[in-house]
Amino acid sequence: MAITWSSDNGHTWTPVHELFEFGVWPCIILLGCGAMVLSYGRPGVHLRFDPTGTGEHWSDPATLIEGSPREVTRHSCGYTSLLPVSDHALLIAYSDFNHLDATGSRRKAILYSA
């Protein structure tokens, strides 16, 4: 995964900077408090936070679902969706291919968490 910045509404861009070793379909939001939140996956599902909101100072990953680099789609498709619900909170939706239902059976599921 890579990142680049523009300070002129997208007319010009900085050189591409490697952000993380992996990641598909990243989703990014800016909360009202100024913090930037990034979700991504494959393998697994992860969240990172940049309290400065610049995209330059990311936290270590908060892992929601572990993943194996050798079996990237075993645990989750890795696609995520983020929605801000207040200045300091968000909702994330993601898939879990090994979710245990109420009977203890393994099922594919779409989960969400606030």
PDB file of N, CA and C in Angstrom:
ATOM      1  N   MET A   1       0.844  -1.154   0.000  1.00  0.00           N
ATOM      2  CA  MET A   1       0.000   0.000   0.000  1.00  0.00           C
ATOM      3  C   MET A   1       0.900   1.231   0.000  1.00  0.00           C
ATOM      4  N   ALA A   2       0.472   2.256  -0.710  1.00  0.00           N
ATOM      5  CA  ALA A   2       1.284   3.470  -0.841  1.00  0.00           C
ATOM      6  C   ALA A   2       0.408   4.692  -0.600  1.00  0.00           C
ATOM      7  N   ILE A   3       1.067   5.820  -0.375  1.00  0.00           N
ATOM      8  CA  ILE A   3       0.358   7.072  -0.126  1.00  0.00           C
ATOM      9  C   ILE A   3       1.098   8.205  -0.837  1.00  0.00           C
ATOM     10  N   THR A   4       0.355   9.215  -1.208  1.00  0.00           N
ATOM     11  CA  THR A   4       0.912  10.433  -1.789  1.00  0.00           C
ATOM     12  C   THR A   4       0.040  11.601  -1.338  1.00  0.00           C
ATOM     13  N   TRP A   5       0.557  12.801  -1.364  1.00  0.00           N
ATOM     14  CA  TRP A   5      -0.171  13.965  -0.875  1.00  0.00           C
ATOM     15  C   TRP A   5      -0.242  15.041  -1.953  1.00  0.00           C
ATOM     16  N   SER A   6      -1.310  15.829  -1.878  1.00  0.00           N
ATOM     17  CA  SER A   6      -1.472  16.990  -2.747  1.00  0.00           C
ATOM     18  C   SER A   6      -1.860  18.185  -1.884  1.00  0.00           C
ATOM     19  N   SER A   7      -1.266  19.319  -2.166  1.00  0.00           N
ATOM     20  CA  SER A   7      -1.624  20.534  -1.422  1.00  0.00           C
ATOM     21  C   SER A   7      -2.319  21.560  -2.327  1.00  0.00           C
ATOM     22  N   ASP A   8      -2.653  21.130  -3.556  1.00  0.00           N
ATOM     23  CA  ASP A   8      -3.294  22.053  -4.499  1.00  0.00           C
ATOM     24  C   ASP A   8      -4.528  21.425  -5.153  1.00  0.00           C
ATOM     25  N   ASN A   9      -5.327  20.751  -4.323  1.00  0.00           N
ATOM     26  CA  ASN A   9      -6.578  20.139  -4.768  1.00  0.00           C
ATOM     27  C   ASN A   9      -6.384  19.085  -5.858  1.00  0.00           C
ATOM     28  N   GLY A  10      -5.272  18.364  -5.797  1.00  0.00           N
ATOM     29  CA  GLY A  10      -5.053  17.253  -6.708  1.00  0.00           C
ATOM     30  C   GLY A  10      -4.420  17.599  -8.037  1.00  0.00           C
ATOM     31  N   HIS A  11      -3.976  18.831  -8.218  1.00  0.00           N
ATOM     32  CA  HIS A  11      -3.315  19.196  -9.485  1.00  0.00           C
ATOM     33  C   HIS A  11      -1.907  18.603  -9.566  1.00  0.00           C
ATOM     34  N   THR A  12      -1.211  18.592  -8.450  1.00  0.00           N
ATOM     35  CA  THR A  12       0.114  17.967  -8.399  1.00  0.00           C
ATOM     36  C   THR A  12       0.190  17.100  -7.148  1.00  0.00           C
ATOM     37  N   TRP A  13       1.106  16.125  -7.181  1.00  0.00           N
ATOM     38  CA  TRP A  13       1.223  15.159  -6.095  1.00  0.00           C
ATOM     39  C   TRP A  13       2.684  14.959  -5.712  1.00  0.00           C
ATOM     40  N   THR A  14       2.906  14.641  -4.452  1.00  0.00           N
ATOM     41  CA  THR A  14       4.253  14.294  -3.995  1.00  0.00           C
ATOM     42  C   THR A  14       4.618  12.930  -4.567  1.00  0.00           C
ATOM     43  N   PRO A  15       5.899  12.575  -4.550  1.00  0.00           N
ATOM     44  CA  PRO A  15       6.261  11.209  -4.955  1.00  0.00           C
ATOM     45  C   PRO A  15       5.571  10.178  -4.055  1.00  0.00           C
ATOM     46  N   VAL A  16       5.294   9.018  -4.607  1.00  0.00           N
ATOM     47  CA  VAL A  16       4.635   7.949  -3.868  1.00  0.00           C
ATOM     48  C   VAL A  16       5.540   7.456  -2.742  1.00  0.00           C
ATOM     49  N   HIS A  17       4.953   7.277  -1.586  1.00  0.00           N
ATOM     50  CA  HIS A  17       5.663   6.811  -0.391  1.00  0.00           C
ATOM     51  C   HIS A  17       5.038   5.485   0.040  1.00  0.00           C
ATOM     52  N   GLU A  18       5.874   4.446   0.239  1.00  0.00           N
ATOM     53  CA  GLU A  18       5.343   3.166   0.706  1.00  0.00           C
ATOM     54  C   GLU A  18       4.784   3.344   2.108  1.00  0.00           C
ATOM     55  N   LEU A  19       3.557   2.877   2.291  1.00  0.00           N
ATOM     56  CA  LEU A  19       2.879   3.046   3.569  1.00  0.00           C
ATOM     57  C   LEU A  19       2.966   1.769   4.408  1.00  0.00           C
ATOM     58  N   PHE A  20       2.452   0.656   3.871  1.00  0.00           N
ATOM     59  CA  PHE A  20       2.476  -0.624   4.562  1.00  0.00           C
ATOM     60  C   PHE A  20       2.803  -1.716   3.558  1.00  0.00           C
ATOM     61  N   GLU A  21       3.201  -2.863   4.066  1.00  0.00           N
ATOM     62  CA  GLU A  21       3.635  -3.963   3.212  1.00  0.00           C
ATOM     63  C   GLU A  21       2.488  -4.547   2.378  1.00  0.00           C
ATOM     64  N   PHE A  22       1.269  -4.513   2.885  1.00  0.00           N
ATOM     65  CA  PHE A  22       0.148  -5.122   2.173  1.00  0.00           C
ATOM     66  C   PHE A  22      -1.110  -4.316   2.425  1.00  0.00           C
ATOM     67  N   GLY A  23      -2.178  -4.690   1.752  1.00  0.00           N
ATOM     68  CA  GLY A  23      -3.480  -4.083   1.975  1.00  0.00           C
ATOM     69  C   GLY A  23      -4.276  -3.988   0.696  1.00  0.00           C
ATOM     70  N   VAL A  24      -5.566  -4.309   0.793  1.00  0.00           N
ATOM     71  CA  VAL A  24      -6.473  -4.166  -0.344  1.00  0.00           C
ATOM     72  C   VAL A  24      -7.633  -3.272   0.048  1.00  0.00           C
ATOM     73  N   TRP A  25      -8.148  -2.616  -0.929  1.00  0.00           N
ATOM     74  CA  TRP A  25      -9.350  -1.787  -0.802  1.00  0.00           C
ATOM     75  C   TRP A  25      -9.340  -0.954   0.475  1.00  0.00           C
ATOM     76  N   PRO A  26      -8.336  -0.100   0.658  1.00  0.00           N
ATOM     77  CA  PRO A  26      -8.290   0.699   1.879  1.00  0.00           C
ATOM     78  C   PRO A  26      -9.476   1.656   1.954  1.00  0.00           C
ATOM     79  N   CYS A  27      -9.934   1.877   3.148  1.00  0.00           N
ATOM     80  CA  CYS A  27     -11.007   2.832   3.411  1.00  0.00           C
ATOM     81  C   CYS A  27     -10.453   3.820   4.431  1.00  0.00           C
ATOM     82  N   ILE A  28     -10.657   5.107   4.175  1.00  0.00           N
ATOM     83  CA  ILE A  28     -10.073   6.120   5.048  1.00  0.00           C
ATOM     84  C   ILE A  28     -11.118   7.190   5.351  1.00  0.00           C
ATOM     85  N   ILE A  29     -11.155   7.622   6.614  1.00  0.00           N
ATOM     86  CA  ILE A  29     -12.060   8.701   7.011  1.00  0.00           C
ATOM     87  C   ILE A  29     -11.305   9.670   7.921  1.00  0.00           C
ATOM     88  N   LEU A  30     -11.804  10.880   7.978  1.00  0.00           N
ATOM     89  CA  LEU A  30     -11.302  11.898   8.898  1.00  0.00           C
ATOM     90  C   LEU A  30     -12.418  12.182   9.886  1.00  0.00           C
ATOM     91  N   LEU A  31     -12.165  11.902  11.159  1.00  0.00           N
ATOM     92  CA  LEU A  31     -13.167  12.151  12.192  1.00  0.00           C
ATOM     93  C   LEU A  31     -13.225  13.639  12.534  1.00  0.00           C
ATOM     94  N   GLY A  32     -14.319  14.061  13.117  1.00  0.00           N
ATOM     95  CA  GLY A  32     -14.489  15.458  13.503  1.00  0.00           C
ATOM     96  C   GLY A  32     -13.436  15.946  14.473  1.00  0.00           C
ATOM     97  N   CYS A  33     -12.859  15.043  15.268  1.00  0.00           N
ATOM     98  CA  CYS A  33     -11.816  15.415  16.231  1.00  0.00           C
ATOM     99  C   CYS A  33     -10.469  15.637  15.547  1.00  0.00           C
ATOM    100  N   GLY A  34     -10.397  15.348  14.218  1.00  0.00           N
ATOM    101  CA  GLY A  34      -9.162  15.566  13.471  1.00  0.00           C
ATOM    102  C   GLY A  34      -8.336  14.321  13.238  1.00  0.00           C
ATOM    103  N   ALA A  35      -8.708  13.204  13.863  1.00  0.00           N
ATOM    104  CA  ALA A  35      -7.973  11.950  13.675  1.00  0.00           C
ATOM    105  C   ALA A  35      -8.374  11.296  12.356  1.00  0.00           C
ATOM    106  N   MET A  36      -7.391  10.710  11.681  1.00  0.00           N
ATOM    107  CA  MET A  36      -7.631   9.969  10.450  1.00  0.00           C
ATOM    108  C   MET A  36      -7.619   8.485  10.787  1.00  0.00           C
ATOM    109  N   VAL A  37      -8.561   7.739  10.203  1.00  0.00           N
ATOM    110  CA  VAL A  37      -8.672   6.305  10.455  1.00  0.00           C
ATOM    111  C   VAL A  37      -8.599   5.582   9.116  1.00  0.00           C
ATOM    112  N   LEU A  38      -7.809   4.520   9.071  1.00  0.00           N
ATOM    113  CA  LEU A  38      -7.620   3.718   7.868  1.00  0.00           C
ATOM    114  C   LEU A  38      -7.929   2.267   8.194  1.00  0.00           C
ATOM    115  N   SER A  39      -8.782   1.643   7.369  1.00  0.00           N
ATOM    116  CA  SER A  39      -9.030   0.204   7.485  1.00  0.00           C
ATOM    117  C   SER A  39      -8.585  -0.462   6.196  1.00  0.00           C
ATOM    118  N   TYR A  40      -8.123  -1.703   6.322  1.00  0.00           N
ATOM    119  CA  TYR A  40      -7.657  -2.449   5.152  1.00  0.00           C
ATOM    120  C   TYR A  40      -7.530  -3.918   5.528  1.00  0.00           C
ATOM    121  N   GLY A  41      -7.289  -4.751   4.532  1.00  0.00           N
ATOM    122  CA  GLY A  41      -7.168  -6.168   4.816  1.00  0.00           C
ATOM    123  C   GLY A  41      -6.340  -6.909   3.791  1.00  0.00           C
ATOM    124  N   ARG A  42      -6.482  -8.185   3.869  1.00  0.00           N
ATOM    125  CA  ARG A  42      -5.840  -9.193   3.021  1.00  0.00           C
ATOM    126  C   ARG A  42      -4.340  -9.167   3.101  1.00  0.00           C
ATOM    127  N   PRO A  43      -3.815  -9.943   4.029  1.00  0.00           N
ATOM    128  CA  PRO A  43      -4.551 -10.889   4.862  1.00  0.00           C
ATOM    129  C   PRO A  43      -5.115 -10.244   6.123  1.00  0.00           C
ATOM    130  N   GLY A  44      -6.232 -10.775   6.591  1.00  0.00           N
ATOM    131  CA  GLY A  44      -6.860 -10.287   7.808  1.00  0.00           C
ATOM    132  C   GLY A  44      -7.596  -8.978   7.611  1.00  0.00           C
ATOM    133  N   VAL A  45      -7.906  -8.315   8.731  1.00  0.00           N
ATOM    134  CA  VAL A  45      -8.575  -7.005   8.746  1.00  0.00           C
ATOM    135  C   VAL A  45      -7.892  -6.164   9.821  1.00  0.00           C
ATOM    136  N   HIS A  46      -7.531  -4.935   9.450  1.00  0.00           N
ATOM    137  CA  HIS A  46      -6.740  -4.084  10.348  1.00  0.00           C
ATOM    138  C   HIS A  46      -7.231  -2.633  10.320  1.00  0.00           C
ATOM    139  N   LEU A  47      -6.997  -1.952  11.426  1.00  0.00           N
ATOM    140  CA  LEU A  47      -7.252  -0.515  11.560  1.00  0.00           C
ATOM    141  C   LEU A  47      -5.954   0.167  11.970  1.00  0.00           C
ATOM    142  N   ARG A  48      -5.737   1.358  11.441  1.00  0.00           N
ATOM    143  CA  ARG A  48      -4.635   2.213  11.898  1.00  0.00           C
ATOM    144  C   ARG A  48      -5.191   3.618  12.088  1.00  0.00           C
ATOM    145  N   PHE A  49      -4.540   4.364  12.969  1.00  0.00           N
ATOM    146  CA  PHE A  49      -5.000   5.699  13.324  1.00  0.00           C
ATOM    147  C   PHE A  49      -3.856   6.699  13.199  1.00  0.00           C
ATOM    148  N   ASP A  50      -4.175   7.869  12.689  1.00  0.00           N
ATOM    149  CA  ASP A  50      -3.227   8.986  12.679  1.00  0.00           C
ATOM    150  C   ASP A  50      -3.897  10.130  13.421  1.00  0.00           C
ATOM    151  N   PRO A  51      -3.516  10.364  14.681  1.00  0.00           N
ATOM    152  CA  PRO A  51      -4.173  11.417  15.469  1.00  0.00           C
ATOM    153  C   PRO A  51      -3.976  12.813  14.906  1.00  0.00           C
ATOM    154  N   THR A  52      -2.947  13.014  14.056  1.00  0.00           N
ATOM    155  CA  THR A  52      -2.709  14.338  13.486  1.00  0.00           C
ATOM    156  C   THR A  52      -3.595  14.623  12.279  1.00  0.00           C
ATOM    157  N   GLY A  53      -4.178  13.568  11.688  1.00  0.00           N
ATOM    158  CA  GLY A  53      -5.040  13.746  10.523  1.00  0.00           C
ATOM    159  C   GLY A  53      -4.310  14.030   9.231  1.00  0.00           C
ATOM    160  N   THR A  54      -2.991  13.897   9.215  1.00  0.00           N
ATOM    161  CA  THR A  54      -2.217  14.208   8.008  1.00  0.00           C
ATOM    162  C   THR A  54      -1.914  12.987   7.145  1.00  0.00           C
ATOM    163  N   GLY A  55      -2.069  11.790   7.706  1.00  0.00           N
ATOM    164  CA  GLY A  55      -1.699  10.576   6.992  1.00  0.00           C
ATOM    165  C   GLY A  55      -0.209  10.298   7.027  1.00  0.00           C
ATOM    166  N   GLU A  56       0.503  10.962   7.920  1.00  0.00           N
ATOM    167  CA  GLU A  56       1.958  10.798   8.019  1.00  0.00           C
ATOM    168  C   GLU A  56       2.413  10.073   9.284  1.00  0.00           C
ATOM    169  N   HIS A  57       1.538   9.914  10.266  1.00  0.00           N
ATOM    170  CA  HIS A  57       1.944   9.386  11.576  1.00  0.00           C
ATOM    171  C   HIS A  57       1.002   8.266  12.013  1.00  0.00           C
ATOM    172  N   TRP A  58       1.104   7.109  11.385  1.00  0.00           N
ATOM    173  CA  TRP A  58       0.181   6.010  11.634  1.00  0.00           C
ATOM    174  C   TRP A  58       0.578   5.180  12.856  1.00  0.00           C
ATOM    175  N   SER A  59      -0.433   4.748  13.584  1.00  0.00           N
ATOM    176  CA  SER A  59      -0.235   3.849  14.725  1.00  0.00           C
ATOM    177  C   SER A  59       0.115   2.445  14.227  1.00  0.00           C
ATOM    178  N   ASP A  60       0.539   1.604  15.144  1.00  0.00           N
ATOM    179  CA  ASP A  60       0.656   0.191  14.830  1.00  0.00           C
ATOM    180  C   ASP A  60      -0.751  -0.326  14.524  1.00  0.00           C
ATOM    181  N   PRO A  61      -0.854  -1.422  13.788  1.00  0.00           N
ATOM    182  CA  PRO A  61      -2.194  -1.895  13.430  1.00  0.00           C
ATOM    183  C   PRO A  61      -2.972  -2.446  14.621  1.00  0.00           C
ATOM    184  N   ALA A  62      -4.255  -2.137  14.642  1.00  0.00           N
ATOM    185  CA  ALA A  62      -5.200  -2.804  15.538  1.00  0.00           C
ATOM    186  C   ALA A  62      -5.825  -3.900  14.681  1.00  0.00           C
ATOM    187  N   THR A  63      -5.529  -5.144  14.982  1.00  0.00           N
ATOM    188  CA  THR A  63      -5.962  -6.261  14.148  1.00  0.00           C
ATOM    189  C   THR A  63      -7.308  -6.796  14.625  1.00  0.00           C
ATOM    190  N   LEU A  64      -8.296  -6.779  13.736  1.00  0.00           N
ATOM    191  CA  LEU A  64      -9.615  -7.318  14.051  1.00  0.00           C
ATOM    192  C   LEU A  64      -9.693  -8.803  13.701  1.00  0.00           C
ATOM    193  N   ILE A  65      -9.037  -9.186  12.596  1.00  0.00           N
ATOM    194  CA  ILE A  65      -8.957 -10.586  12.188  1.00  0.00           C
ATOM    195  C   ILE A  65      -7.525 -10.852  11.748  1.00  0.00           C
ATOM    196  N   GLU A  66      -6.909 -11.849  12.339  1.00  0.00           N
ATOM    197  CA  GLU A  66      -5.564 -12.252  11.920  1.00  0.00           C
ATOM    198  C   GLU A  66      -5.634 -12.816  10.509  1.00  0.00           C
ATOM    199  N   GLY A  67      -4.534 -12.786   9.814  1.00  0.00           N
ATOM    200  CA  GLY A  67      -4.488 -13.353   8.476  1.00  0.00           C
ATOM    201  C   GLY A  67      -3.130 -13.941   8.184  1.00  0.00           C
ATOM    202  N   SER A  68      -3.117 -14.909   7.296  1.00  0.00           N
ATOM    203  CA  SER A  68      -1.876 -15.562   6.904  1.00  0.00           C
ATOM    204  C   SER A  68      -1.452 -15.073   5.528  1.00  0.00           C
ATOM    205  N   PRO A  69      -0.223 -14.587   5.376  1.00  0.00           N
ATOM    206  CA  PRO A  69       0.252 -14.160   4.057  1.00  0.00           C
ATOM    207  C   PRO A  69       0.246 -15.290   3.027  1.00  0.00           C
ATOM    208  N   ARG A  70       0.259 -16.538   3.489  1.00  0.00           N
ATOM    209  CA  ARG A  70       0.242 -17.680   2.566  1.00  0.00           C
ATOM    210  C   ARG A  70      -1.164 -18.045   2.121  1.00  0.00           C
ATOM    211  N   GLU A  71      -2.174 -17.642   2.885  1.00  0.00           N
ATOM    212  CA  GLU A  71      -3.572 -17.930   2.554  1.00  0.00           C
ATOM    213  C   GLU A  71      -4.375 -16.644   2.745  1.00  0.00           C
ATOM    214  N   VAL A  72      -4.178 -15.704   1.848  1.00  0.00           N
ATOM    215  CA  VAL A  72      -4.673 -14.344   2.067  1.00  0.00           C
ATOM    216  C   VAL A  72      -6.187 -14.236   2.141  1.00  0.00           C
ATOM    217  N   THR A  73      -6.933 -15.165   1.553  1.00  0.00           N
ATOM    218  CA  THR A  73      -8.394 -15.074   1.611  1.00  0.00           C
ATOM    219  C   THR A  73      -9.018 -16.156   2.486  1.00  0.00           C
ATOM    220  N   ARG A  74      -8.233 -16.750   3.362  1.00  0.00           N
ATOM    221  CA  ARG A  74      -8.761 -17.816   4.222  1.00  0.00           C
ATOM    222  C   ARG A  74      -9.685 -17.291   5.317  1.00  0.00           C
ATOM    223  N   HIS A  75      -9.371 -16.141   5.894  1.00  0.00           N
ATOM    224  CA  HIS A  75     -10.100 -15.642   7.058  1.00  0.00           C
ATOM    225  C   HIS A  75     -11.086 -14.522   6.745  1.00  0.00           C
ATOM    226  N   SER A  76     -10.827 -13.784   5.661  1.00  0.00           N
ATOM    227  CA  SER A  76     -11.648 -12.620   5.312  1.00  0.00           C
ATOM    228  C   SER A  76     -11.330 -12.225   3.875  1.00  0.00           C
ATOM    229  N   CYS A  77     -12.302 -11.605   3.209  1.00  0.00           N
ATOM    230  CA  CYS A  77     -11.992 -11.065   1.883  1.00  0.00           C
ATOM    231  C   CYS A  77     -11.071  -9.855   2.013  1.00  0.00           C
ATOM    232  N   GLY A  78     -11.071  -9.227   3.191  1.00  0.00           N
ATOM    233  CA  GLY A  78     -10.197  -8.085   3.443  1.00  0.00           C
ATOM    234  C   GLY A  78     -10.813  -6.747   3.103  1.00  0.00           C
ATOM    235  N   TYR A  79     -11.992  -6.726   2.486  1.00  0.00           N
ATOM    236  CA  TYR A  79     -12.637  -5.466   2.158  1.00  0.00           C
ATOM    237  C   TYR A  79     -13.340  -4.920   3.398  1.00  0.00           C
ATOM    238  N   THR A  80     -13.218  -3.622   3.603  1.00  0.00           N
ATOM    239  CA  THR A  80     -13.792  -2.984   4.790  1.00  0.00           C
ATOM    240  C   THR A  80     -14.563  -1.740   4.384  1.00  0.00           C
ATOM    241  N   SER A  81     -15.371  -1.257   5.303  1.00  0.00           N
ATOM    242  CA  SER A  81     -16.087  -0.002   5.102  1.00  0.00           C
ATOM    243  C   SER A  81     -16.115   0.742   6.433  1.00  0.00           C
ATOM    244  N   LEU A  82     -15.869   2.037   6.394  1.00  0.00           N
ATOM    245  CA  LEU A  82     -15.862   2.877   7.596  1.00  0.00           C
ATOM    246  C   LEU A  82     -16.928   3.950   7.487  1.00  0.00           C
ATOM    247  N   LEU A  83     -17.530   4.281   8.623  1.00  0.00           N
ATOM    248  CA  LEU A  83     -18.520   5.346   8.686  1.00  0.00           C
ATOM    249  C   LEU A  83     -18.326   6.108   9.991  1.00  0.00           C
ATOM    250  N   PRO A  84     -18.082   7.427   9.933  1.00  0.00           N
ATOM    251  CA  PRO A  84     -17.990   8.174  11.188  1.00  0.00           C
ATOM    252  C   PRO A  84     -19.384   8.271  11.815  1.00  0.00           C
ATOM    253  N   VAL A  85     -19.471   8.054  13.128  1.00  0.00           N
ATOM    254  CA  VAL A  85     -20.766   8.167  13.825  1.00  0.00           C
ATOM    255  C   VAL A  85     -20.780   9.313  14.825  1.00  0.00           C
ATOM    256  N   SER A  86     -19.623   9.865  15.124  1.00  0.00           N
ATOM    257  CA  SER A  86     -19.514  11.074  15.942  1.00  0.00           C
ATOM    258  C   SER A  86     -18.112  11.633  15.721  1.00  0.00           C
ATOM    259  N   ASP A  87     -17.791  12.716  16.404  1.00  0.00           N
ATOM    260  CA  ASP A  87     -16.458  13.311  16.259  1.00  0.00           C
ATOM    261  C   ASP A  87     -15.343  12.379  16.721  1.00  0.00           C
ATOM    262  N   HIS A  88     -15.689  11.423  17.599  1.00  0.00           N
ATOM    263  CA  HIS A  88     -14.672  10.548  18.189  1.00  0.00           C
ATOM    264  C   HIS A  88     -14.957   9.058  17.994  1.00  0.00           C
ATOM    265  N   ALA A  89     -15.916   8.705  17.152  1.00  0.00           N
ATOM    266  CA  ALA A  89     -16.278   7.288  17.005  1.00  0.00           C
ATOM    267  C   ALA A  89     -16.589   6.945  15.557  1.00  0.00           C
ATOM    268  N   LEU A  90     -16.429   5.662  15.250  1.00  0.00           N
ATOM    269  CA  LEU A  90     -16.687   5.183  13.896  1.00  0.00           C
ATOM    270  C   LEU A  90     -17.341   3.818  13.950  1.00  0.00           C
ATOM    271  N   LEU A  91     -17.898   3.422  12.815  1.00  0.00           N
ATOM    272  CA  LEU A  91     -18.451   2.098  12.619  1.00  0.00           C
ATOM    273  C   LEU A  91     -17.640   1.449  11.514  1.00  0.00           C
ATOM    274  N   ILE A  92     -17.213   0.201  11.721  1.00  0.00           N
ATOM    275  CA  ILE A  92     -16.502  -0.545  10.693  1.00  0.00           C
ATOM    276  C   ILE A  92     -17.307  -1.798  10.359  1.00  0.00           C
ATOM    277  N   ALA A  93     -17.379  -2.125   9.060  1.00  0.00           N
ATOM    278  CA  ALA A  93     -17.988  -3.370   8.597  1.00  0.00           C
ATOM    279  C   ALA A  93     -16.917  -4.162   7.855  1.00  0.00           C
ATOM    280  N   TYR A  94     -16.923  -5.484   8.044  1.00  0.00           N
ATOM    281  CA  TYR A  94     -15.909  -6.344   7.433  1.00  0.00           C
ATOM    282  C   TYR A  94     -16.418  -7.787   7.425  1.00  0.00           C
ATOM    283  N   SER A  95     -15.768  -8.640   6.651  1.00  0.00           N
ATOM    284  CA  SER A  95     -16.174 -10.042   6.571  1.00  0.00           C
ATOM    285  C   SER A  95     -15.295 -10.908   7.478  1.00  0.00           C
ATOM    286  N   ASP A  96     -15.917 -11.964   7.997  1.00  0.00           N
ATOM    287  CA  ASP A  96     -15.212 -12.978   8.783  1.00  0.00           C
ATOM    288  C   ASP A  96     -15.647 -14.328   8.242  1.00  0.00           C
ATOM    289  N   PHE A  97     -14.740 -15.053   7.620  1.00  0.00           N
ATOM    290  CA  PHE A  97     -15.062 -16.335   7.007  1.00  0.00           C
ATOM    291  C   PHE A  97     -15.132 -17.469   8.018  1.00  0.00           C
ATOM    292  N   ASN A  98     -14.765 -17.208   9.270  1.00  0.00           N
ATOM    293  CA  ASN A  98     -14.758 -18.250  10.305  1.00  0.00           C
ATOM    294  C   ASN A  98     -15.566 -17.853  11.535  1.00  0.00           C
ATOM    295  N   HIS A  99     -16.608 -17.083  11.335  1.00  0.00           N
ATOM    296  CA  HIS A  99     -17.435 -16.605  12.440  1.00  0.00           C
ATOM    297  C   HIS A  99     -18.213 -17.773  13.067  1.00  0.00           C
ATOM    298  N   LEU A 100     -18.224 -17.823  14.385  1.00  0.00           N
ATOM    299  CA  LEU A 100     -19.019 -18.828  15.085  1.00  0.00           C
ATOM    300  C   LEU A 100     -20.403 -18.261  15.379  1.00  0.00           C
ATOM    301  N   ASP A 101     -21.448 -18.925  14.865  1.00  0.00           N
ATOM    302  CA  ASP A 101     -22.809 -18.450  15.109  1.00  0.00           C
ATOM    303  C   ASP A 101     -23.283 -18.902  16.489  1.00  0.00           C
ATOM    304  N   ALA A 102     -24.548 -18.628  16.821  1.00  0.00           N
ATOM    305  CA  ALA A 102     -25.085 -18.925  18.152  1.00  0.00           C
ATOM    306  C   ALA A 102     -25.061 -20.418  18.476  1.00  0.00           C
ATOM    307  N   THR A 103     -25.045 -21.277  17.454  1.00  0.00           N
ATOM    308  CA  THR A 103     -25.019 -22.724  17.675  1.00  0.00           C
ATOM    309  C   THR A 103     -23.597 -23.274  17.715  1.00  0.00           C
ATOM    310  N   GLY A 104     -22.603 -22.413  17.472  1.00  0.00           N
ATOM    311  CA  GLY A 104     -21.214 -22.855  17.451  1.00  0.00           C
ATOM    312  C   GLY A 104     -20.734 -23.308  16.084  1.00  0.00           C
ATOM    313  N   SER A 105     -21.587 -23.160  15.066  1.00  0.00           N
ATOM    314  CA  SER A 105     -21.207 -23.536  13.697  1.00  0.00           C
ATOM    315  C   SER A 105     -20.421 -22.405  13.053  1.00  0.00           C
ATOM    316  N   ARG A 106     -19.451 -22.775  12.248  1.00  0.00           N
ATOM    317  CA  ARG A 106     -18.667 -21.773  11.514  1.00  0.00           C
ATOM    318  C   ARG A 106     -19.446 -21.325  10.288  1.00  0.00           C
ATOM    319  N   ARG A 107     -19.498 -20.007  10.091  1.00  0.00           N
ATOM    320  CA  ARG A 107     -20.223 -19.406   8.975  1.00  0.00           C
ATOM    321  C   ARG A 107     -19.428 -18.232   8.434  1.00  0.00           C
ATOM    322  N   LYS A 108     -19.635 -17.914   7.173  1.00  0.00           N
ATOM    323  CA  LYS A 108     -19.154 -16.635   6.650  1.00  0.00           C
ATOM    324  C   LYS A 108     -20.136 -15.583   7.127  1.00  0.00           C
ATOM    325  N   ALA A 109     -19.609 -14.439   7.545  1.00  0.00           N
ATOM    326  CA  ALA A 109     -20.471 -13.404   8.114  1.00  0.00           C
ATOM    327  C   ALA A 109     -19.918 -12.031   7.780  1.00  0.00           C
ATOM    328  N   ILE A 110     -20.816 -11.065   7.715  1.00  0.00           N
ATOM    329  CA  ILE A 110     -20.444  -9.650   7.654  1.00  0.00           C
ATOM    330  C   ILE A 110     -20.674  -9.104   9.053  1.00  0.00           C
ATOM    331  N   LEU A 111     -19.611  -8.591   9.655  1.00  0.00           N
ATOM    332  CA  LEU A 111     -19.666  -8.073  11.010  1.00  0.00           C
ATOM    333  C   LEU A 111     -19.528  -6.562  11.016  1.00  0.00           C
ATOM    334  N   TYR A 112     -19.988  -5.944  12.073  1.00  0.00           N
ATOM    335  CA  TYR A 112     -19.757  -4.518  12.257  1.00  0.00           C
ATOM    336  C   TYR A 112     -19.436  -4.270  13.719  1.00  0.00           C
ATOM    337  N   SER A 113     -18.718  -3.204  13.949  1.00  0.00           N
ATOM    338  CA  SER A 113     -18.325  -2.864  15.302  1.00  0.00           C
ATOM    339  C   SER A 113     -18.190  -1.343  15.399  1.00  0.00           C
ATOM    340  N   ALA A 114     -18.593  -0.791  16.512  1.00  0.00           N
ATOM    341  CA  ALA A 114     -18.463   0.639  16.732  1.00  0.00           C
ATOM    342  C   ALA A 114     -17.309   0.904  17.662  1.00  0.00           C
TER     343      ALA A 114
END
